[in-house]
């Protein structure tokens, strides 16, 4: 090929080859930069997912103790409710006894 070409044609071919090489180099650089940005973005997402995973793990790990506390609180609330009910029954019985005594006293006074 070199024998059939003039020096000027060889220079043009060389120049064209250099331009093609530079264009490919630029294209490769752009592709690599794009891939790098994607990689960095993906790694950021992976780190966020890792943080959320750790938070979720901690919450799931804490769940049994939270359930135990909730059951204990529920038992205390039930005991308080029962105590209130008993107190209300006692007060109601006392009021009925007092009302009954008042009626008996009134009846006795009327009879006298």
C-alpha atoms as a PDB file:
ATOM      1  CA  UNK A   1       0.000   0.000   0.000  1.00  0.00           C
ATOM      2  CA  UNK A   2       2.817   2.388   0.872  1.00  0.00           C
ATOM      3  CA  UNK A   3       4.425   2.033  -2.581  1.00  0.00           C
ATOM      4  CA  UNK A   4       1.204   2.906  -4.392  1.00  0.00           C
ATOM      5  CA  UNK A   5       0.569   6.084  -2.348  1.00  0.00           C
ATOM      6  CA  UNK A   6       2.183   9.465  -2.597  1.00  0.00           C
ATOM      7  CA  UNK A   7       3.724  11.156   0.435  1.00  0.00           C
ATOM      8  CA  UNK A   8       0.821  13.578   0.590  1.00  0.00           C
ATOM      9  CA  UNK A   9      -1.709  10.711   0.547  1.00  0.00           C
ATOM     10  CA  UNK A  10       0.261   8.974   3.327  1.00  0.00           C
ATOM     11  CA  UNK A  11       0.202  12.179   5.378  1.00  0.00           C
ATOM     12  CA  UNK A  12      -3.540  12.504   4.856  1.00  0.00           C
ATOM     13  CA  UNK A  13      -4.033   8.842   5.816  1.00  0.00           C
ATOM     14  CA  UNK A  14      -1.881   9.337   8.911  1.00  0.00           C
ATOM     15  CA  UNK A  15      -3.747  12.528   9.815  1.00  0.00           C
ATOM     16  CA  UNK A  16      -7.107  10.779   9.311  1.00  0.00           C
ATOM     17  CA  UNK A  17      -5.948   7.826  11.444  1.00  0.00           C
ATOM     18  CA  UNK A  18      -4.869  10.229  14.217  1.00  0.00           C
ATOM     19  CA  UNK A  19      -8.247  12.029  14.081  1.00  0.00           C
ATOM     20  CA  UNK A  20     -10.075   8.684  14.251  1.00  0.00           C
ATOM     21  CA  UNK A  21      -7.909   7.605  17.180  1.00  0.00           C
ATOM     22  CA  UNK A  22      -8.563  10.907  18.984  1.00  0.00           C
ATOM     23  CA  UNK A  23     -12.314  10.614  18.340  1.00  0.00           C
ATOM     24  CA  UNK A  24     -12.307   7.054  19.719  1.00  0.00           C
ATOM     25  CA  UNK A  25     -10.282   8.203  22.714  1.00  0.00           C
ATOM     26  CA  UNK A  26     -12.792  10.995  23.421  1.00  0.00           C
ATOM     27  CA  UNK A  27     -15.721   8.629  22.950  1.00  0.00           C
ATOM     28  CA  UNK A  28     -14.148   6.117  25.326  1.00  0.00           C
ATOM     29  CA  UNK A  29     -13.512   8.846  27.898  1.00  0.00           C
ATOM     30  CA  UNK A  30     -17.168   9.951  27.713  1.00  0.00           C
ATOM     31  CA  UNK A  31     -18.423   6.375  28.041  1.00  0.00           C
ATOM     32  CA  UNK A  32     -16.126   5.763  31.021  1.00  0.00           C
ATOM     33  CA  UNK A  33     -17.225   9.004  32.677  1.00  0.00           C
ATOM     34  CA  UNK A  34     -20.866   8.049  32.201  1.00  0.00           C
ATOM     35  CA  UNK A  35     -20.285   4.564  33.613  1.00  0.00           C
ATOM     36  CA  UNK A  36     -18.335   6.048  36.509  1.00  0.00           C
ATOM     37  CA  UNK A  37     -21.247   8.365  37.371  1.00  0.00           C
ATOM     38  CA  UNK A  38     -23.606   5.387  37.215  1.00  0.00           C
ATOM     39  CA  UNK A  39     -21.280   3.402  39.460  1.00  0.00           C
ATOM     40  CA  UNK A  40     -21.037   6.217  42.009  1.00  0.00           C
ATOM     41  CA  UNK A  41     -24.825   6.640  41.949  1.00  0.00           C
ATOM     42  CA  UNK A  42     -25.316   2.921  42.410  1.00  0.00           C
ATOM     43  CA  UNK A  43     -22.848   2.772  45.275  1.00  0.00           C
ATOM     44  CA  UNK A  44     -24.682   5.648  46.989  1.00  0.00           C
ATOM     45  CA  UNK A  45     -27.927   3.710  46.646  1.00  0.00           C
ATOM     46  CA  UNK A  46     -26.269   0.568  48.008  1.00  0.00           C
ATOM     47  CA  UNK A  47     -25.018   2.522  51.032  1.00  0.00           C
ATOM     48  CA  UNK A  48     -28.504   3.936  51.650  1.00  0.00           C
ATOM     49  CA  UNK A  49     -29.981   0.455  51.352  1.00  0.00           C
ATOM     50  CA  UNK A  50     -27.401  -0.821  53.828  1.00  0.00           C
ATOM     51  CA  UNK A  51     -28.319   1.899  56.333  1.00  0.00           C
ATOM     52  CA  UNK A  52     -32.047   1.146  55.945  1.00  0.00           C
ATOM     53  CA  UNK A  53     -31.324  -2.565  56.303  1.00  0.00           C
ATOM     54  CA  UNK A  54     -29.452  -1.962  59.552  1.00  0.00           C
ATOM     55  CA  UNK A  55     -32.281   0.208  60.875  1.00  0.00           C
ATOM     56  CA  UNK A  56     -34.810  -2.459  59.966  1.00  0.00           C
ATOM     57  CA  UNK A  57     -32.671  -5.142  61.602  1.00  0.00           C
ATOM     58  CA  UNK A  58     -32.490  -3.106  64.815  1.00  0.00           C
ATOM     59  CA  UNK A  59     -36.251  -2.562  64.822  1.00  0.00           C
ATOM     60  CA  UNK A  60     -36.986  -6.227  64.226  1.00  0.00           C
ATOM     61  CA  UNK A  61     -34.472  -7.185  66.912  1.00  0.00           C
ATOM     62  CA  UNK A  62     -36.157  -4.781  69.387  1.00  0.00           C
ATOM     63  CA  UNK A  63     -39.658  -6.022  68.583  1.00  0.00           C
ATOM     64  CA  UNK A  64     -39.826  -8.860  71.166  1.00  0.00           C
ATOM     65  CA  UNK A  65     -38.869  -6.575  74.052  1.00  0.00           C
ATOM     66  CA  UNK A  66     -41.318  -3.942  72.833  1.00  0.00           C
ATOM     67  CA  UNK A  67     -44.053  -6.579  72.699  1.00  0.00           C
ATOM     68  CA  UNK A  68     -43.217  -7.653  76.258  1.00  0.00           C
ATOM     69  CA  UNK A  69     -43.411  -4.050  77.464  1.00  0.00           C
ATOM     70  CA  UNK A  70     -46.712  -3.601  75.652  1.00  0.00           C
ATOM     71  CA  UNK A  71     -48.147  -6.743  77.263  1.00  0.00           C
ATOM     72  CA  UNK A  72     -47.003  -5.585  80.700  1.00  0.00           C
ATOM     73  CA  UNK A  73     -48.580  -2.181  80.139  1.00  0.00           C
ATOM     74  CA  UNK A  74     -51.771  -3.861  78.969  1.00  0.00           C
ATOM     75  CA  UNK A  75     -51.858  -5.997  82.117  1.00  0.00           C
ATOM     76  CA  UNK A  76     -51.365  -2.892  84.290  1.00  0.00           C
ATOM     77  CA  UNK A  77     -54.164  -1.125  82.443  1.00  0.00           C
ATOM     78  CA  UNK A  78     -56.456  -4.103  82.985  1.00  0.00           C
ATOM     79  CA  UNK A  79     -55.605  -4.145  86.701  1.00  0.00           C
ATOM     80  CA  UNK A  80     -56.328  -0.423  86.934  1.00  0.00           C
ATOM     81  CA  UNK A  81     -59.631  -0.898  85.091  1.00  0.00           C
ATOM     82  CA  UNK A  82     -60.600  -3.723  87.452  1.00  0.00           C
ATOM     83  CA  UNK A  83     -59.706  -1.616  90.481  1.00  0.00           C
ATOM     84  CA  UNK A  84     -61.802   1.255  89.133  1.00  0.00           C
ATOM     85  CA  UNK A  85     -64.723  -1.114  88.490  1.00  0.00           C
ATOM     86  CA  UNK A  86     -64.462  -2.498  92.031  1.00  0.00           C
ATOM     87  CA  UNK A  87     -64.287   1.010  93.458  1.00  0.00           C
ATOM     88  CA  UNK A  88     -67.359   2.036  91.471  1.00  0.00           C
ATOM     89  CA  UNK A  89     -69.243  -1.064  92.669  1.00  0.00           C
ATOM     90  CA  UNK A  90     -68.267  -0.329  96.260  1.00  0.00           C
ATOM     91  CA  UNK A  91     -69.364   3.287  95.917  1.00  0.00           C
ATOM     92  CA  UNK A  92     -72.612   2.207  94.280  1.00  0.00           C
ATOM     93  CA  UNK A  93     -73.341  -0.324  97.058  1.00  0.00           C
ATOM     94  CA  UNK A  94     -72.560   2.291  99.702  1.00  0.00           C
ATOM     95  CA  UNK A  95     -74.893   4.759  98.038  1.00  0.00           C
ATOM     96  CA  UNK A  96     -77.633   2.137  97.863  1.00  0.00           C
ATOM     97  CA  UNK A  97     -77.169   1.281 101.533  1.00  0.00           C
ATOM     98  CA  UNK A  98     -77.266   4.956 102.466  1.00  0.00           C
ATOM     99  CA  UNK A  99     -80.387   5.493 100.350  1.00  0.00           C
ATOM    100  CA  UNK A 100     -81.994   2.442 101.954  1.00  0.00           C
ATOM    101  CA  UNK A 101     -81.189   3.743 105.428  1.00  0.00           C
ATOM    102  CA  UNK A 102     -82.615   7.144 104.537  1.00  0.00           C
ATOM    103  CA  UNK A 103     -85.828   5.508 103.341  1.00  0.00           C
ATOM    104  CA  UNK A 104     -86.024   3.362 106.524  1.00  0.00           C
ATOM    105  CA  UNK A 105     -85.411   6.412 108.687  1.00  0.00           C
ATOM    106  CA  UNK A 106     -88.098   8.334 106.831  1.00  0.00           C
ATOM    107  CA  UNK A 107     -90.533   5.444 107.237  1.00  0.00           C
ATOM    108  CA  UNK A 108     -89.794   5.154 110.947  1.00  0.00           C
ATOM    109  CA  UNK A 109     -90.281   8.869 111.428  1.00  0.00           C
ATOM    110  CA  UNK A 110     -93.575   8.739 109.599  1.00  0.00           C
ATOM    111  CA  UNK A 111     -94.734   5.834 111.713  1.00  0.00           C
ATOM    112  CA  UNK A 112     -93.923   7.646 114.905  1.00  0.00           C
END
